[in-house]
Protein backbone atom coordinates (compact mmCIF):
# COMPACT_ATOMS: atom_id res chain seq x y z
CA TYR A 1 -131.20 64.71 -75.85
CA LEU A 2 -134.37 66.32 -74.51
CA GLU A 3 -134.16 64.24 -71.34
CA LEU A 4 -130.49 65.19 -70.98
CA ALA A 5 -131.36 68.86 -71.43
CA ASP A 6 -134.10 68.54 -68.80
CA ALA A 7 -131.67 67.03 -66.34
CA ARG A 8 -128.99 69.63 -67.00
CA THR A 9 -131.53 72.45 -66.71
CA ARG A 10 -132.56 71.19 -63.28
CA ASP A 11 -128.91 70.96 -62.27
CA GLY A 12 -127.63 74.28 -63.49
CA GLY A 13 -129.54 76.21 -66.10
CA ALA A 14 -128.48 77.50 -69.50
CA ASP A 15 -124.92 76.29 -69.99
CA GLU A 16 -123.52 75.51 -73.43
CA ALA A 17 -123.89 71.73 -73.02
CA THR A 18 -127.60 72.12 -72.22
CA LEU A 19 -128.12 74.37 -75.22
CA ASN A 20 -126.25 71.95 -77.46
CA ALA A 21 -128.40 69.06 -76.22
CA LEU A 22 -131.53 70.97 -77.18
CA ARG A 23 -130.09 71.97 -80.55
CA ARG A 24 -129.33 68.32 -81.34
CA ALA A 25 -132.76 67.23 -80.10
CA LEU A 26 -134.36 69.79 -82.40
CA HIS A 27 -132.48 68.40 -85.37
CA ILE A 28 -133.16 64.73 -84.55
CA GLU A 29 -136.88 65.18 -83.79
CA ALA A 30 -137.57 67.45 -86.76
CA GLU A 31 -140.41 65.24 -88.06
CA ASP A 32 -142.36 65.22 -84.78
CA GLY A 33 -144.16 68.56 -84.77
CA HIS A 34 -145.43 68.39 -81.19
CA LEU A 35 -142.06 67.41 -79.79
CA VAL A 36 -140.28 70.04 -81.88
CA MET A 37 -142.56 72.66 -80.36
CA GLN A 38 -141.69 71.49 -76.83
CA ILE A 39 -137.97 71.53 -77.61
CA GLU A 40 -138.18 74.98 -79.19
CA GLU A 41 -139.99 76.47 -76.22
CA ARG A 42 -137.34 75.09 -73.85
CA LEU A 43 -134.59 76.33 -76.14
CA LEU A 44 -136.16 79.79 -76.40
CA ASP A 45 -136.27 80.16 -72.63
CA LEU A 46 -132.64 79.09 -72.23
CA LEU A 47 -131.41 81.28 -75.09
CA ASP A 48 -133.12 84.21 -73.41
CA GLN A 49 -131.44 83.38 -70.09
CA ALA A 50 -128.07 83.05 -71.83
CA GLY A 51 -128.45 86.36 -73.66
CA LEU A 52 -128.17 84.69 -77.09
CA TYR A 53 -130.75 86.98 -78.64
CA GLY A 54 -129.69 86.57 -82.26
CA GLU A 55 -130.21 82.81 -82.08
CA LEU A 56 -133.42 83.37 -80.12
CA ALA A 57 -134.74 85.54 -82.96
CA GLY A 58 -133.71 82.86 -85.46
CA VAL A 59 -135.66 80.15 -83.65
CA LEU A 60 -138.72 82.41 -83.51
CA ARG A 61 -138.46 83.03 -87.27
CA GLU A 62 -138.32 79.27 -87.89
CA GLN A 63 -141.41 78.80 -85.74
CA LEU A 64 -143.23 81.47 -87.70
CA GLN A 65 -142.45 79.79 -90.99
CA ARG A 66 -143.60 76.37 -89.81
CA ASP A 67 -146.60 77.12 -87.56
CA SER A 68 -150.01 77.24 -89.23
CA ASP A 69 -152.05 78.26 -86.17
CA PRO A 70 -152.94 81.98 -86.55
CA ALA A 71 -153.14 82.78 -82.83
CA ARG A 72 -149.74 81.18 -82.13
CA ARG A 73 -148.19 82.80 -85.18
CA ALA A 74 -149.37 86.24 -84.05
CA GLN A 75 -147.92 85.69 -80.58
CA ARG A 76 -144.63 84.44 -82.01
CA ALA A 77 -144.38 87.47 -84.29
CA LEU A 78 -145.02 89.73 -81.31
CA ARG A 79 -142.38 87.96 -79.22
CA LEU A 80 -139.91 88.30 -82.11
CA ALA A 81 -140.72 92.00 -82.32
CA ARG A 82 -139.94 92.44 -78.63
CA VAL A 83 -136.60 90.63 -78.96
CA GLN A 84 -135.70 92.75 -81.99
CA GLN A 85 -136.74 95.99 -80.33
CA GLU A 86 -135.53 95.47 -76.76
CA ARG A 87 -132.56 93.14 -77.16
CA LEU A 88 -131.22 93.53 -80.68
CA ARG A 89 -132.08 97.22 -81.11
CA ASP A 90 -133.41 96.41 -84.57
CA ARG A 91 -136.20 98.94 -84.94
CA GLU A 92 -136.88 98.15 -88.58
CA GLY A 93 -137.09 94.41 -87.96
CA ALA A 94 -139.31 94.97 -84.92
CA GLY A 95 -141.65 97.14 -86.96
CA ALA A 96 -141.95 94.46 -89.64
CA SER A 97 -142.64 91.78 -87.01
CA VAL A 98 -145.32 93.89 -85.31
CA ASP A 99 -146.94 94.51 -88.70
CA LEU A 100 -146.87 90.75 -89.34
CA ALA A 101 -148.54 90.08 -85.97
CA LEU A 102 -151.26 92.60 -86.80
CA SER A 103 -151.75 91.22 -90.31
CA ILE A 104 -152.41 87.83 -88.71
CA GLU A 105 -154.52 89.10 -85.81
CA PRO A 106 -155.55 92.77 -86.32
CA GLY A 107 -157.15 93.00 -82.88
CA LEU A 108 -154.06 91.88 -80.95
CA LEU A 109 -153.96 94.57 -78.27
CA GLU A 110 -150.32 94.10 -77.25
CA ALA A 111 -149.17 94.43 -80.85
CA ARG A 112 -151.27 97.56 -81.38
CA ARG A 113 -149.81 99.12 -78.25
CA MET A 114 -146.27 98.25 -79.31
CA LYS A 115 -146.74 99.72 -82.78
CA LEU A 116 -148.16 102.89 -81.25
CA GLN A 117 -145.26 103.22 -78.82
CA MET A 118 -142.72 102.66 -81.58
CA GLN A 119 -144.29 105.51 -83.53
CA ARG A 120 -144.15 107.71 -80.45
CA ASP A 121 -140.49 106.87 -79.95
CA GLY A 122 -139.34 108.04 -83.34
CA GLY A 123 -141.76 107.32 -86.13
CA ASP A 124 -143.34 109.68 -88.62
CA LYS A 125 -145.63 112.17 -86.87
CA ARG A 126 -148.35 111.94 -89.49
CA GLU A 127 -148.40 108.15 -89.22
CA LEU A 128 -148.55 108.50 -85.44
CA VAL A 129 -151.62 110.72 -85.75
CA GLN A 130 -153.36 108.13 -87.92
CA LEU A 131 -152.58 105.37 -85.43
CA LEU A 132 -153.80 107.48 -82.52
CA LEU A 133 -157.06 108.23 -84.32
CA LYS A 134 -157.61 104.55 -85.05
CA GLU A 135 -156.93 103.56 -81.45
CA ALA A 136 -159.09 106.38 -80.08
CA ALA A 137 -162.03 105.33 -82.23
CA GLN A 138 -161.73 101.71 -81.06
CA HIS A 139 -160.87 102.15 -77.40
CA PRO A 140 -163.60 100.89 -75.05
CA GLU A 141 -162.63 103.14 -72.10
CA PRO A 142 -163.88 106.75 -72.50
CA GLU A 143 -161.04 108.32 -70.47
CA GLN A 144 -158.36 106.48 -72.43
CA ALA A 145 -160.11 107.28 -75.70
CA ALA A 146 -160.12 110.97 -74.73
CA ASN A 147 -156.38 110.79 -73.98
CA LEU A 148 -155.75 109.39 -77.44
CA TRP A 149 -157.92 112.02 -79.16
CA ILE A 150 -156.03 114.74 -77.28
CA GLU A 151 -152.65 113.23 -78.13
CA ALA A 152 -153.65 113.06 -81.79
CA ALA A 153 -154.69 116.72 -81.78
CA ARG A 154 -151.53 117.90 -80.02
CA THR A 155 -149.32 115.83 -82.31
CA GLN A 156 -151.09 117.32 -85.32
CA MET A 157 -150.41 120.81 -83.94
CA GLU A 158 -146.68 120.09 -84.08
CA PHE A 159 -146.68 120.01 -87.88
CA ALA A 160 -149.97 121.68 -88.89
CA ARG A 161 -149.47 124.51 -91.38
CA ASP A 162 -152.91 125.33 -92.75
CA ARG A 163 -156.43 125.90 -91.53
CA ASP A 164 -157.68 122.46 -92.55
CA GLU A 165 -155.05 120.72 -90.42
CA PHE A 166 -155.90 122.84 -87.38
CA GLU A 167 -159.61 122.27 -87.96
CA SER A 168 -159.01 118.52 -88.03
CA ALA A 169 -157.21 118.77 -84.70
CA LEU A 170 -160.12 120.85 -83.34
CA SER A 171 -162.57 118.13 -84.39
CA TRP A 172 -160.51 115.58 -82.42
CA ALA A 173 -160.60 117.84 -79.37
CA LYS A 174 -164.39 117.75 -79.72
CA GLU A 175 -164.27 113.95 -79.87
CA ALA A 176 -162.21 113.98 -76.66
CA ASP A 177 -164.80 116.15 -74.97
CA ALA A 178 -167.60 113.87 -76.16
CA ALA A 179 -165.77 110.85 -74.73
CA SER A 180 -164.98 112.53 -71.41
CA PRO A 181 -166.79 115.86 -70.98
CA ARG A 182 -165.39 119.06 -69.46
CA ARG A 183 -161.86 117.89 -68.79
CA THR A 184 -159.51 120.80 -68.17
CA ASP A 185 -156.92 119.62 -70.68
CA THR A 186 -159.58 119.27 -73.37
CA VAL A 187 -160.94 122.75 -72.70
CA GLU A 188 -157.43 124.23 -72.87
CA LEU A 189 -156.70 122.39 -76.11
CA TRP A 190 -159.99 123.51 -77.60
CA ALA A 191 -159.18 127.13 -76.77
CA GLU A 192 -155.71 126.90 -78.33
CA LEU A 193 -157.05 125.35 -81.50
CA ALA A 194 -159.96 127.76 -81.81
CA GLU A 195 -157.47 130.62 -81.63
CA ARG A 196 -155.25 129.02 -84.28
CA VAL A 197 -158.18 128.46 -86.61
CA GLY A 198 -159.32 132.03 -86.08
CA LEU A 199 -155.87 133.37 -86.93
CA GLU A 200 -155.39 131.35 -90.09
């Protein structure tokens, strides 16, 4: 079946007969882990081409359950998150898959970026601030770290109600200035926050 699927793929791509050949091959070769992985990867690519995203997500879930390699599992969870977010519009499922990827590999940069963007796109503002602070503290590039400190401070300003919250935001503006001194946007932010703190 795998050879048939290979031949059909060369001849015409992701038609139903090719997909069925791979589905049958997956079932028949279930005991051969290496071959199953090859079949799954071919099937994933063709399901993506065919727009069968629900089945694509299902195959990725099966891989996650079976695979014991942490690096591969993290990448599979991240790929599942992208399918859920971009193709299935399943924000909750995507969030759970990103969290799974990060629980397996906390330093996975792509997963951290995706989680941050998901929070920006509609998550809780306080959770977004905490993520921004974490990323700012870890970011190796001073300019990018300053951007994150500034974003955290400005996001905090959107919901801050008392002096302590504004003072926290002011401390992050100071961190931004320490990371990248004398930037105009940092100076402006500092002035706004100093005024807010003075008025509280």
